Amino acid sequence: KIKEEPISWIKSKQNKQALQASTIVINRDLECPYRQATLAFFEQTGLRTRCIEVDTLDVMIDMLENHEAAAILPDSTFNQTRSFKKLKIIPLILSLFITIS
């Protein structure tokens, strides 16, 4: 079964840097669909910036909240119970199609 999942750039409300000046945070897992979407975005746009790989969503959220970093994550991340008051969504106007088992 294939599901459409809206994705967006996420960064701190305090991060005033342009996307190309921000550090981009991606998941270390090569199969992560958000990592793949980020790398595809780089390839399609020609954007070149510094990337940091992380192992967990918690580390990624910490990087986004406390550093001048950005990441592509599913919009549904913000519909969960965790408080994301320090973060903002920058719409990509893209969706990621993922396979649900």
PDB file of N, CA and C in Angstrom:
ATOM      1  N   LYS A   1       0.848  -1.175   0.000  1.00  0.00           N
ATOM      2  CA  LYS A   1       0.000   0.000   0.000  1.00  0.00           C
ATOM      3  C   LYS A   1       0.896   1.241   0.000  1.00  0.00           C
ATOM      4  N   ILE A   2       0.567   2.206  -0.835  1.00  0.00           N
ATOM      5  CA  ILE A   2       1.351   3.427  -0.925  1.00  0.00           C
ATOM      6  C   ILE A   2       0.546   4.577  -0.323  1.00  0.00           C
ATOM      7  N   LYS A   3       1.222   5.382   0.488  1.00  0.00           N
ATOM      8  CA  LYS A   3       0.588   6.508   1.176  1.00  0.00           C
ATOM      9  C   LYS A   3       1.339   7.792   0.833  1.00  0.00           C
ATOM     10  N   GLU A   4       0.585   8.863   0.599  1.00  0.00           N
ATOM     11  CA  GLU A   4       1.195  10.166   0.367  1.00  0.00           C
ATOM     12  C   GLU A   4       1.420  10.839   1.712  1.00  0.00           C
ATOM     13  N   GLU A   5       2.613  11.361   1.910  1.00  0.00           N
ATOM     14  CA  GLU A   5       2.942  12.007   3.178  1.00  0.00           C
ATOM     15  C   GLU A   5       3.559  13.377   2.899  1.00  0.00           C
ATOM     16  N   PRO A   6       2.870  14.466   3.277  1.00  0.00           N
ATOM     17  CA  PRO A   6       3.449  15.803   3.073  1.00  0.00           C
ATOM     18  C   PRO A   6       4.716  15.980   3.902  1.00  0.00           C
ATOM     19  N   ILE A   7       5.729  16.594   3.293  1.00  0.00           N
ATOM     20  CA  ILE A   7       6.992  16.857   3.980  1.00  0.00           C
ATOM     21  C   ILE A   7       7.326  18.338   3.843  1.00  0.00           C
ATOM     22  N   SER A   8       8.120  18.835   4.787  1.00  0.00           N
ATOM     23  CA  SER A   8       8.510  20.246   4.773  1.00  0.00           C
ATOM     24  C   SER A   8       9.904  20.393   5.364  1.00  0.00           C
ATOM     25  N   TRP A   9      10.513  21.544   5.068  1.00  0.00           N
ATOM     26  CA  TRP A   9      11.728  21.924   5.780  1.00  0.00           C
ATOM     27  C   TRP A   9      11.313  22.388   7.164  1.00  0.00           C
ATOM     28  N   ILE A  10      12.069  21.991   8.175  1.00  0.00           N
ATOM     29  CA  ILE A  10      11.823  22.375   9.556  1.00  0.00           C
ATOM     30  C   ILE A  10      13.091  23.056  10.077  1.00  0.00           C
ATOM     31  N   LYS A  11      12.925  24.192  10.756  1.00  0.00           N
ATOM     32  CA  LYS A  11      14.066  24.835  11.403  1.00  0.00           C
ATOM     33  C   LYS A  11      13.570  25.655  12.581  1.00  0.00           C
ATOM     34  N   SER A  12      14.486  26.111  13.394  1.00  0.00           N
ATOM     35  CA  SER A  12      14.148  26.913  14.569  1.00  0.00           C
ATOM     36  C   SER A  12      13.550  28.249  14.155  1.00  0.00           C
ATOM     37  N   LYS A  13      12.599  28.727  14.940  1.00  0.00           N
ATOM     38  CA  LYS A  13      12.047  30.062  14.707  1.00  0.00           C
ATOM     39  C   LYS A  13      13.136  31.125  14.859  1.00  0.00           C
ATOM     40  N   GLN A  14      14.171  30.814  15.639  1.00  0.00           N
ATOM     41  CA  GLN A  14      15.277  31.746  15.858  1.00  0.00           C
ATOM     42  C   GLN A  14      16.301  31.720  14.721  1.00  0.00           C
ATOM     43  N   ASN A  15      16.258  30.708  13.887  1.00  0.00           N
ATOM     44  CA  ASN A  15      17.210  30.565  12.781  1.00  0.00           C
ATOM     45  C   ASN A  15      16.790  31.482  11.638  1.00  0.00           C
ATOM     46  N   LYS A  16      17.496  32.592  11.486  1.00  0.00           N
ATOM     47  CA  LYS A  16      17.167  33.580  10.456  1.00  0.00           C
ATOM     48  C   LYS A  16      17.983  33.370   9.178  1.00  0.00           C
ATOM     49  N   GLN A  17      18.848  32.361   9.189  1.00  0.00           N
ATOM     50  CA  GLN A  17      19.684  32.104   8.023  1.00  0.00           C
ATOM     51  C   GLN A  17      18.864  31.526   6.875  1.00  0.00           C
ATOM     52  N   ALA A  18      19.303  31.843   5.666  1.00  0.00           N
ATOM     53  CA  ALA A  18      18.723  31.210   4.484  1.00  0.00           C
ATOM     54  C   ALA A  18      19.050  29.725   4.517  1.00  0.00           C
ATOM     55  N   LEU A  19      18.249  28.944   3.846  1.00  0.00           N
ATOM     56  CA  LEU A  19      18.444  27.489   3.845  1.00  0.00           C
ATOM     57  C   LEU A  19      19.855  27.110   3.434  1.00  0.00           C
ATOM     58  N   GLN A  20      20.399  27.760   2.411  1.00  0.00           N
ATOM     59  CA  GLN A  20      21.737  27.404   1.931  1.00  0.00           C
ATOM     60  C   GLN A  20      22.839  27.754   2.923  1.00  0.00           C
ATOM     61  N   ALA A  21      22.538  28.592   3.922  1.00  0.00           N
ATOM     62  CA  ALA A  21      23.519  28.934   4.951  1.00  0.00           C
ATOM     63  C   ALA A  21      23.347  28.081   6.205  1.00  0.00           C
ATOM     64  N   SER A  22      22.258  27.339   6.287  1.00  0.00           N
ATOM     65  CA  SER A  22      21.991  26.483   7.452  1.00  0.00           C
ATOM     66  C   SER A  22      22.710  25.149   7.309  1.00  0.00           C
ATOM     67  N   THR A  23      23.026  24.544   8.436  1.00  0.00           N
ATOM     68  CA  THR A  23      23.516  23.169   8.441  1.00  0.00           C
ATOM     69  C   THR A  23      22.300  22.266   8.245  1.00  0.00           C
ATOM     70  N   ILE A  24      22.404  21.313   7.355  1.00  0.00           N
ATOM     71  CA  ILE A  24      21.295  20.403   7.085  1.00  0.00           C
ATOM     72  C   ILE A  24      21.526  19.114   7.870  1.00  0.00           C
ATOM     73  N   VAL A  25      20.501  18.693   8.592  1.00  0.00           N
ATOM     74  CA  VAL A  25      20.581  17.484   9.416  1.00  0.00           C
ATOM     75  C   VAL A  25      19.821  16.372   8.712  1.00  0.00           C
ATOM     76  N   ILE A  26      20.487  15.229   8.525  1.00  0.00           N
ATOM     77  CA  ILE A  26      19.855  14.076   7.893  1.00  0.00           C
ATOM     78  C   ILE A  26      20.074  12.830   8.755  1.00  0.00           C
ATOM     79  N   ASN A  27      19.208  11.864   8.580  1.00  0.00           N
ATOM     80  CA  ASN A  27      19.317  10.600   9.295  1.00  0.00           C
ATOM     81  C   ASN A  27      20.476   9.791   8.724  1.00  0.00           C
ATOM     82  N   ARG A  28      21.196   9.107   9.570  1.00  0.00           N
ATOM     83  CA  ARG A  28      22.328   8.286   9.149  1.00  0.00           C
ATOM     84  C   ARG A  28      21.889   7.057   8.343  1.00  0.00           C
ATOM     85  N   ASP A  29      20.652   6.607   8.557  1.00  0.00           N
ATOM     86  CA  ASP A  29      20.110   5.427   7.876  1.00  0.00           C
ATOM     87  C   ASP A  29      19.967   5.711   6.377  1.00  0.00           C
ATOM     88  N   LEU A  30      20.702   4.990   5.553  1.00  0.00           N
ATOM     89  CA  LEU A  30      20.686   5.214   4.109  1.00  0.00           C
ATOM     90  C   LEU A  30      19.318   4.960   3.490  1.00  0.00           C
ATOM     91  N   GLU A  31      18.479   4.171   4.158  1.00  0.00           N
ATOM     92  CA  GLU A  31      17.146   3.849   3.650  1.00  0.00           C
ATOM     93  C   GLU A  31      16.075   4.832   4.119  1.00  0.00           C
ATOM     94  N   CYS A  32      16.422   5.777   4.958  1.00  0.00           N
ATOM     95  CA  CYS A  32      15.447   6.740   5.490  1.00  0.00           C
ATOM     96  C   CYS A  32      14.853   7.553   4.338  1.00  0.00           C
ATOM     97  N   PRO A  33      13.529   7.556   4.179  1.00  0.00           N
ATOM     98  CA  PRO A  33      12.928   8.294   3.060  1.00  0.00           C
ATOM     99  C   PRO A  33      13.123   9.809   3.162  1.00  0.00           C
ATOM    100  N   TYR A  34      13.272  10.339   4.363  1.00  0.00           N
ATOM    101  CA  TYR A  34      13.479  11.783   4.527  1.00  0.00           C
ATOM    102  C   TYR A  34      14.907  12.165   4.161  1.00  0.00           C
ATOM    103  N   ARG A  35      15.845  11.295   4.465  1.00  0.00           N
ATOM    104  CA  ARG A  35      17.228  11.488   4.013  1.00  0.00           C
ATOM    105  C   ARG A  35      17.260  11.488   2.490  1.00  0.00           C
ATOM    106  N   GLN A  36      16.587  10.505   1.898  1.00  0.00           N
ATOM    107  CA  GLN A  36      16.556  10.398   0.439  1.00  0.00           C
ATOM    108  C   GLN A  36      15.893  11.615  -0.197  1.00  0.00           C
ATOM    109  N   ALA A  37      14.820  12.116   0.430  1.00  0.00           N
ATOM    110  CA  ALA A  37      14.141  13.314  -0.085  1.00  0.00           C
ATOM    111  C   ALA A  37      15.064  14.534   0.001  1.00  0.00           C
ATOM    112  N   THR A  38      15.826  14.636   1.092  1.00  0.00           N
ATOM    113  CA  THR A  38      16.756  15.747   1.264  1.00  0.00           C
ATOM    114  C   THR A  38      17.837  15.705   0.189  1.00  0.00           C
ATOM    115  N   LEU A  39      18.426  14.538  -0.008  1.00  0.00           N
ATOM    116  CA  LEU A  39      19.489  14.414  -1.003  1.00  0.00           C
ATOM    117  C   LEU A  39      18.948  14.638  -2.412  1.00  0.00           C
ATOM    118  N   ALA A  40      17.716  14.193  -2.684  1.00  0.00           N
ATOM    119  CA  ALA A  40      17.091  14.447  -3.985  1.00  0.00           C
ATOM    120  C   ALA A  40      16.853  15.947  -4.181  1.00  0.00           C
ATOM    121  N   PHE A  41      16.443  16.643  -3.118  1.00  0.00           N
ATOM    122  CA  PHE A  41      16.256  18.093  -3.178  1.00  0.00           C
ATOM    123  C   PHE A  41      17.571  18.773  -3.533  1.00  0.00           C
ATOM    124  N   PHE A  42      18.668  18.352  -2.891  1.00  0.00           N
ATOM    125  CA  PHE A  42      19.990  18.907  -3.206  1.00  0.00           C
ATOM    126  C   PHE A  42      20.321  18.712  -4.679  1.00  0.00           C
ATOM    127  N   GLU A  43      20.080  17.498  -5.158  1.00  0.00           N
ATOM    128  CA  GLU A  43      20.410  17.171  -6.541  1.00  0.00           C
ATOM    129  C   GLU A  43      19.564  17.997  -7.519  1.00  0.00           C
ATOM    130  N   GLN A  44      18.276  18.125  -7.233  1.00  0.00           N
ATOM    131  CA  GLN A  44      17.365  18.855  -8.135  1.00  0.00           C
ATOM    132  C   GLN A  44      17.625  20.355  -8.140  1.00  0.00           C
ATOM    133  N   THR A  45      17.996  20.919  -7.001  1.00  0.00           N
ATOM    134  CA  THR A  45      18.156  22.371  -6.891  1.00  0.00           C
ATOM    135  C   THR A  45      19.600  22.839  -7.041  1.00  0.00           C
ATOM    136  N   GLY A  46      20.541  21.911  -6.921  1.00  0.00           N
ATOM    137  CA  GLY A  46      21.952  22.293  -6.967  1.00  0.00           C
ATOM    138  C   GLY A  46      22.441  22.918  -5.671  1.00  0.00           C
ATOM    139  N   LEU A  47      21.603  22.887  -4.621  1.00  0.00           N
ATOM    140  CA  LEU A  47      21.980  23.448  -3.327  1.00  0.00           C
ATOM    141  C   LEU A  47      23.158  22.667  -2.744  1.00  0.00           C
ATOM    142  N   ARG A  48      24.143  23.392  -2.286  1.00  0.00           N
ATOM    143  CA  ARG A  48      25.300  22.775  -1.633  1.00  0.00           C
ATOM    144  C   ARG A  48      25.475  23.438  -0.280  1.00  0.00           C
ATOM    145  N   THR A  49      25.419  22.649   0.776  1.00  0.00           N
ATOM    146  CA  THR A  49      25.606  23.171   2.126  1.00  0.00           C
ATOM    147  C   THR A  49      26.124  22.042   3.006  1.00  0.00           C
ATOM    148  N   ARG A  50      26.462  22.366   4.209  1.00  0.00           N
ATOM    149  CA  ARG A  50      27.008  21.395   5.163  1.00  0.00           C
ATOM    150  C   ARG A  50      25.908  20.471   5.671  1.00  0.00           C
ATOM    151  N   CYS A  51      26.202  19.162   5.724  1.00  0.00           N
ATOM    152  CA  CYS A  51      25.255  18.166   6.253  1.00  0.00           C
ATOM    153  C   CYS A  51      25.858  17.469   7.456  1.00  0.00           C
ATOM    154  N   ILE A  52      25.006  17.179   8.414  1.00  0.00           N
ATOM    155  CA  ILE A  52      25.392  16.383   9.579  1.00  0.00           C
ATOM    156  C   ILE A  52      24.446  15.197   9.646  1.00  0.00           C
ATOM    157  N   GLU A  53      25.000  13.998   9.817  1.00  0.00           N
ATOM    158  CA  GLU A  53      24.191  12.792   9.977  1.00  0.00           C
ATOM    159  C   GLU A  53      23.959  12.530  11.458  1.00  0.00           C
ATOM    160  N   VAL A  54      22.731  12.151  11.798  1.00  0.00           N
ATOM    161  CA  VAL A  54      22.384  11.819  13.183  1.00  0.00           C
ATOM    162  C   VAL A  54      21.680  10.465  13.209  1.00  0.00           C
ATOM    163  N   ASP A  55      21.643   9.870  14.404  1.00  0.00           N
ATOM    164  CA  ASP A  55      21.068   8.534  14.542  1.00  0.00           C
ATOM    165  C   ASP A  55      19.599   8.517  14.944  1.00  0.00           C
ATOM    166  N   THR A  56      19.132   9.549  15.645  1.00  0.00           N
ATOM    167  CA  THR A  56      17.769   9.502  16.172  1.00  0.00           C
ATOM    168  C   THR A  56      17.016  10.802  15.905  1.00  0.00           C
ATOM    169  N   LEU A  57      15.692  10.703  15.959  1.00  0.00           N
ATOM    170  CA  LEU A  57      14.850  11.888  15.806  1.00  0.00           C
ATOM    171  C   LEU A  57      15.080  12.865  16.953  1.00  0.00           C
ATOM    172  N   ASP A  58      15.295  12.353  18.161  1.00  0.00           N
ATOM    173  CA  ASP A  58      15.544  13.234  19.310  1.00  0.00           C
ATOM    174  C   ASP A  58      16.779  14.107  19.100  1.00  0.00           C
ATOM    175  N   VAL A  59      17.840  13.520  18.586  1.00  0.00           N
ATOM    176  CA  VAL A  59      19.063  14.282  18.319  1.00  0.00           C
ATOM    177  C   VAL A  59      18.793  15.301  17.211  1.00  0.00           C
ATOM    178  N   MET A  60      18.051  14.898  16.189  1.00  0.00           N
ATOM    179  CA  MET A  60      17.731  15.802  15.095  1.00  0.00           C
ATOM    180  C   MET A  60      16.923  17.001  15.600  1.00  0.00           C
ATOM    181  N   ILE A  61      15.899  16.745  16.408  1.00  0.00           N
ATOM    182  CA  ILE A  61      15.069  17.824  16.944  1.00  0.00           C
ATOM    183  C   ILE A  61      15.913  18.765  17.806  1.00  0.00           C
ATOM    184  N   ASP A  62      16.814  18.202  18.621  1.00  0.00           N
ATOM    185  CA  ASP A  62      17.707  19.033  19.434  1.00  0.00           C
ATOM    186  C   ASP A  62      18.563  19.930  18.547  1.00  0.00           C
ATOM    187  N   MET A  63      19.102  19.376  17.470  1.00  0.00           N
ATOM    188  CA  MET A  63      19.913  20.178  16.536  1.00  0.00           C
ATOM    189  C   MET A  63      19.073  21.294  15.923  1.00  0.00           C
ATOM    190  N   LEU A  64      17.842  20.996  15.565  1.00  0.00           N
ATOM    191  CA  LEU A  64      16.975  21.999  14.948  1.00  0.00           C
ATOM    192  C   LEU A  64      16.604  23.105  15.935  1.00  0.00           C
ATOM    193  N   GLU A  65      16.335  22.717  17.172  1.00  0.00           N
ATOM    194  CA  GLU A  65      15.912  23.684  18.190  1.00  0.00           C
ATOM    195  C   GLU A  65      17.048  24.576  18.676  1.00  0.00           C
ATOM    196  N   ASN A  66      18.260  24.038  18.736  1.00  0.00           N
ATOM    197  CA  ASN A  66      19.350  24.738  19.413  1.00  0.00           C
ATOM    198  C   ASN A  66      20.512  25.177  18.521  1.00  0.00           C
ATOM    199  N   HIS A  67      20.407  24.937  17.243  1.00  0.00           N
ATOM    200  CA  HIS A  67      21.487  25.301  16.329  1.00  0.00           C
ATOM    201  C   HIS A  67      20.884  25.863  15.049  1.00  0.00           C
ATOM    202  N   GLU A  68      21.688  26.457  14.228  1.00  0.00           N
ATOM    203  CA  GLU A  68      21.202  26.993  12.959  1.00  0.00           C
ATOM    204  C   GLU A  68      21.201  25.862  11.940  1.00  0.00           C
ATOM    205  N   ALA A  69      20.216  24.967  12.120  1.00  0.00           N
ATOM    206  CA  ALA A  69      20.110  23.766  11.302  1.00  0.00           C
ATOM    207  C   ALA A  69      18.699  23.661  10.730  1.00  0.00           C
ATOM    208  N   ALA A  70      18.568  22.857   9.679  1.00  0.00           N
ATOM    209  CA  ALA A  70      17.275  22.604   9.052  1.00  0.00           C
ATOM    210  C   ALA A  70      17.243  21.146   8.618  1.00  0.00           C
ATOM    211  N   ALA A  71      16.033  20.607   8.474  1.00  0.00           N
ATOM    212  CA  ALA A  71      15.873  19.219   8.046  1.00  0.00           C
ATOM    213  C   ALA A  71      14.528  19.053   7.357  1.00  0.00           C
ATOM    214  N   ILE A  72      14.454  18.090   6.467  1.00  0.00           N
ATOM    215  CA  ILE A  72      13.169  17.703   5.885  1.00  0.00           C
ATOM    216  C   ILE A  72      12.587  16.619   6.776  1.00  0.00           C
ATOM    217  N   LEU A  73      11.362  16.870   7.246  1.00  0.00           N
ATOM    218  CA  LEU A  73      10.638  15.908   8.085  1.00  0.00           C
ATOM    219  C   LEU A  73       9.180  15.880   7.652  1.00  0.00           C
ATOM    220  N   PRO A  74       8.460  14.824   8.029  1.00  0.00           N
ATOM    221  CA  PRO A  74       7.040  14.775   7.688  1.00  0.00           C
ATOM    222  C   PRO A  74       6.252  15.812   8.483  1.00  0.00           C
ATOM    223  N   ASP A  75       5.261  16.406   7.844  1.00  0.00           N
ATOM    224  CA  ASP A  75       4.407  17.370   8.536  1.00  0.00           C
ATOM    225  C   ASP A  75       3.733  16.734   9.741  1.00  0.00           C
ATOM    226  N   SER A  76       3.492  15.437   9.683  1.00  0.00           N
ATOM    227  CA  SER A  76       2.820  14.737  10.787  1.00  0.00           C
ATOM    228  C   SER A  76       3.629  14.776  12.076  1.00  0.00           C
ATOM    229  N   THR A  77       4.929  15.063  11.991  1.00  0.00           N
ATOM    230  CA  THR A  77       5.765  15.191  13.184  1.00  0.00           C
ATOM    231  C   THR A  77       5.175  16.221  14.135  1.00  0.00           C
ATOM    232  N   PHE A  78       4.598  17.269  13.573  1.00  0.00           N
ATOM    233  CA  PHE A  78       4.056  18.352  14.389  1.00  0.00           C
ATOM    234  C   PHE A  78       2.666  18.048  14.933  1.00  0.00           C
ATOM    235  N   ASN A  79       2.068  16.973  14.485  1.00  0.00           N
ATOM    236  CA  ASN A  79       0.742  16.590  14.979  1.00  0.00           C
ATOM    237  C   ASN A  79       0.834  15.626  16.153  1.00  0.00           C
ATOM    238  N   GLN A  80       2.052  15.289  16.537  1.00  0.00           N
ATOM    239  CA  GLN A  80       2.236  14.378  17.655  1.00  0.00           C
ATOM    240  C   GLN A  80       2.220  15.162  18.955  1.00  0.00           C
ATOM    241  N   THR A  81       2.297  14.475  20.064  1.00  0.00           N
ATOM    242  CA  THR A  81       2.131  15.115  21.369  1.00  0.00           C
ATOM    243  C   THR A  81       3.313  15.980  21.795  1.00  0.00           C
ATOM    244  N   ARG A  82       4.472  15.756  21.250  1.00  0.00           N
ATOM    245  CA  ARG A  82       5.662  16.515  21.644  1.00  0.00           C
ATOM    246  C   ARG A  82       5.504  18.004  21.317  1.00  0.00           C
ATOM    247  N   SER A  83       6.004  18.851  22.162  1.00  0.00           N
ATOM    248  CA  SER A  83       5.917  20.296  21.958  1.00  0.00           C
ATOM    249  C   SER A  83       7.046  20.758  21.034  1.00  0.00           C
ATOM    250  N   PHE A  84       6.680  21.464  19.981  1.00  0.00           N
ATOM    251  CA  PHE A  84       7.661  21.983  19.033  1.00  0.00           C
ATOM    252  C   PHE A  84       7.553  23.500  18.946  1.00  0.00           C
ATOM    253  N   LYS A  85       7.433  24.151  20.078  1.00  0.00           N
ATOM    254  CA  LYS A  85       7.223  25.595  20.103  1.00  0.00           C
ATOM    255  C   LYS A  85       8.393  26.378  19.516  1.00  0.00           C
ATOM    256  N   LYS A  86       9.587  25.790  19.525  1.00  0.00           N
ATOM    257  CA  LYS A  86      10.765  26.502  19.030  1.00  0.00           C
ATOM    258  C   LYS A  86      10.951  26.347  17.517  1.00  0.00           C
ATOM    259  N   LEU A  87      10.153  25.483  16.882  1.00  0.00           N
ATOM    260  CA  LEU A  87      10.378  25.161  15.475  1.00  0.00           C
ATOM    261  C   LEU A  87       9.298  25.744  14.579  1.00  0.00           C
ATOM    262  N   LYS A  88       9.642  25.918  13.304  1.00  0.00           N
ATOM    263  CA  LYS A  88       8.663  26.356  12.314  1.00  0.00           C
ATOM    264  C   LYS A  88       8.787  25.496  11.063  1.00  0.00           C
ATOM    265  N   ILE A  89       7.705  25.443  10.320  1.00  0.00           N
ATOM    266  CA  ILE A  89       7.654  24.689   9.071  1.00  0.00           C
ATOM    267  C   ILE A  89       7.868  25.652   7.912  1.00  0.00           C
ATOM    268  N   ILE A  90       8.707  25.254   6.978  1.00  0.00           N
ATOM    269  CA  ILE A  90       8.895  25.998   5.738  1.00  0.00           C
ATOM    270  C   ILE A  90       8.358  25.085   4.629  1.00  0.00           C
ATOM    271  N   PRO A  91       7.179  25.373   4.097  1.00  0.00           N
ATOM    272  CA  PRO A  91       6.554  24.455   3.135  1.00  0.00           C
ATOM    273  C   PRO A  91       7.427  24.173   1.918  1.00  0.00           C
ATOM    274  N   LEU A  92       7.449  22.914   1.534  1.00  0.00           N
ATOM    275  CA  LEU A  92       8.173  22.477   0.343  1.00  0.00           C
ATOM    276  C   LEU A  92       7.243  22.371  -0.857  1.00  0.00           C
ATOM    277  N   ILE A  93       5.966  22.226  -0.590  1.00  0.00           N
ATOM    278  CA  ILE A  93       4.960  21.944  -1.610  1.00  0.00           C
ATOM    279  C   ILE A  93       5.342  20.656  -2.341  1.00  0.00           C
ATOM    280  N   LEU A  94       5.756  19.692  -1.570  1.00  0.00           N
ATOM    281  CA  LEU A  94       6.091  18.371  -2.082  1.00  0.00           C
ATOM    282  C   LEU A  94       5.492  17.341  -1.155  1.00  0.00           C
ATOM    283  N   SER A  95       5.268  16.178  -1.692  1.00  0.00           N
ATOM    284  CA  SER A  95       4.852  15.053  -0.865  1.00  0.00           C
ATOM    285  C   SER A  95       5.783  13.899  -1.136  1.00  0.00           C
ATOM    286  N   LEU A  96       5.953  13.100  -0.147  1.00  0.00           N
ATOM    287  CA  LEU A  96       6.758  11.907  -0.241  1.00  0.00           C
ATOM    288  C   LEU A  96       5.801  10.729  -0.289  1.00  0.00           C
ATOM    289  N   PHE A  97       5.992   9.825  -1.203  1.00  0.00           N
ATOM    290  CA  PHE A  97       5.155   8.642  -1.261  1.00  0.00           C
ATOM    291  C   PHE A  97       5.914   7.491  -0.620  1.00  0.00           C
ATOM    292  N   ILE A  98       5.335   6.950   0.430  1.00  0.00           N
ATOM    293  CA  ILE A  98       5.997   5.868   1.161  1.00  0.00           C
ATOM    294  C   ILE A  98       5.135   4.616   1.126  1.00  0.00           C
ATOM    295  N   THR A  99       5.777   3.488   1.226  1.00  0.00           N
ATOM    296  CA  THR A  99       5.070   2.211   1.250  1.00  0.00           C
ATOM    297  C   THR A  99       4.809   1.823   2.692  1.00  0.00           C
ATOM    298  N   ILE A 100       3.560   1.497   2.991  1.00  0.00           N
ATOM    299  CA  ILE A 100       3.143   1.082   4.324  1.00  0.00           C
ATOM    300  C   ILE A 100       2.933  -0.428   4.302  1.00  0.00           C
ATOM    301  N   SER A 101       3.583  -1.130   5.224  1.00  0.00           N
ATOM    302  CA  SER A 101       3.404  -2.595   5.284  1.00  0.00           C
ATOM    303  C   SER A 101       2.171  -2.958   6.065  1.00  0.00           C
TER     304      SER A 101
END
